[in-house]
Amino acid sequence: MFPATTAQKTLLNFRPECSRCLLETDVSTIENCVNVVVFIWLNDGNGYWYFLKSRQGEMLNGYVLVNNRWIYNPIEKRRVLTYF
């Protein structure tokens, strides 16, 4: 866990609509976003900013922004509906 910077806090107040994100067929390209902050929409309807640090097989390893702190949270790639 580590704190978000002031710039991150300001920029990450934006929450993109699911309809503005990539098509579901393009979700496999998320593995190219290592060391990038993306907004992820999951199949269960939840969405949040995610700092993707690595991919191992079908697991995405990274951090979720919660209350201005980045918290480690691995996600199964199959759970990602779309991303921005």
Protein backbone atom coordinates (compact mmCIF):
# COMPACT_ATOMS: atom_id res chain seq x y z
CA MET A 1 0.00 0.00 0.00
CA PHE A 2 1.24 3.50 -0.81
CA PRO A 3 -0.36 6.96 -1.00
CA ALA A 4 -1.59 8.54 -4.21
CA THR A 5 0.13 11.74 -5.27
CA THR A 6 -1.74 15.05 -5.45
CA ALA A 7 -1.75 14.86 -9.26
CA GLN A 8 -3.14 11.31 -9.17
CA LYS A 9 -5.90 12.33 -6.74
CA THR A 10 -6.96 15.17 -9.03
CA LEU A 11 -6.88 13.22 -12.28
CA LEU A 12 -8.41 10.04 -10.90
CA ASN A 13 -11.59 11.77 -9.72
CA PHE A 14 -12.79 11.17 -13.30
CA ARG A 15 -14.92 8.02 -13.71
CA PRO A 16 -15.42 7.01 -17.37
CA GLU A 17 -18.74 5.53 -18.44
CA CYS A 18 -18.58 1.89 -19.46
CA SER A 19 -19.86 2.84 -22.93
CA ARG A 20 -16.76 5.04 -23.47
CA CYS A 21 -14.34 2.17 -22.87
CA LEU A 22 -12.94 -0.41 -25.27
CA LEU A 23 -15.15 -3.02 -26.83
CA GLU A 24 -15.18 -6.34 -24.98
CA THR A 25 -13.33 -7.95 -27.89
CA ASP A 26 -10.37 -5.61 -27.20
CA VAL A 27 -10.03 -6.45 -23.49
CA SER A 28 -7.18 -8.87 -24.20
CA THR A 29 -5.01 -5.81 -24.97
CA ILE A 30 -5.00 -4.86 -21.27
CA GLU A 31 -1.90 -7.02 -20.82
CA ASN A 32 -0.04 -4.36 -22.85
CA CYS A 33 -0.77 -1.77 -20.14
CA VAL A 34 1.87 -2.84 -17.61
CA ASN A 35 2.99 0.14 -15.48
CA VAL A 36 -0.07 2.12 -16.62
CA VAL A 37 -3.09 3.31 -14.64
CA VAL A 38 -6.35 2.19 -16.30
CA PHE A 39 -10.00 2.32 -15.29
CA ILE A 40 -11.36 -1.23 -15.16
CA TRP A 41 -15.02 -2.25 -15.37
CA LEU A 42 -15.60 -5.76 -14.03
CA ASN A 43 -18.29 -8.25 -15.07
CA ASP A 44 -20.08 -7.69 -11.74
CA GLY A 45 -20.64 -3.97 -12.51
CA ASN A 46 -17.89 -2.60 -10.25
CA GLY A 47 -15.37 -0.19 -11.71
CA TYR A 48 -12.23 1.40 -10.35
CA TRP A 49 -8.81 2.79 -11.19
CA TYR A 50 -6.16 0.08 -11.39
CA PHE A 51 -2.37 0.47 -11.55
CA LEU A 52 -1.32 -2.64 -13.51
CA LYS A 53 2.15 -3.78 -12.49
CA SER A 54 2.41 -7.21 -14.17
CA ARG A 55 0.55 -10.07 -15.79
CA GLN A 56 1.14 -13.71 -14.92
CA GLY A 57 -0.91 -16.09 -17.03
CA GLU A 58 -4.53 -15.06 -16.56
CA MET A 59 -3.85 -12.92 -13.47
CA LEU A 60 -3.38 -9.16 -13.51
CA ASN A 61 -1.23 -7.97 -10.61
CA GLY A 62 -1.63 -4.40 -9.52
CA TYR A 63 -3.12 -1.85 -7.18
CA VAL A 64 -6.64 -0.48 -6.72
CA LEU A 65 -7.15 3.16 -5.72
CA VAL A 66 -9.15 3.18 -2.45
CA ASN A 67 -9.51 6.33 -0.33
CA ASN A 68 -6.46 7.96 -1.95
CA ARG A 69 -4.24 4.92 -1.34
CA TRP A 70 -3.08 2.26 -3.78
CA ILE A 71 -3.84 -1.20 -2.33
CA TYR A 72 -2.49 -4.41 -3.88
CA ASN A 73 -5.30 -6.42 -5.50
CA PRO A 74 -4.73 -9.14 -8.12
CA ILE A 75 -7.60 -9.62 -10.60
CA GLU A 76 -8.42 -12.52 -12.89
CA LYS A 77 -8.32 -11.28 -16.48
CA ARG A 78 -11.62 -13.03 -17.27
CA ARG A 79 -13.39 -10.76 -14.74
CA VAL A 80 -12.54 -7.61 -16.76
CA LEU A 81 -15.47 -6.48 -18.89
CA THR A 82 -13.74 -3.45 -20.38
CA TYR A 83 -11.17 -0.78 -19.54
CA PHE A 84 -10.30 2.86 -20.24
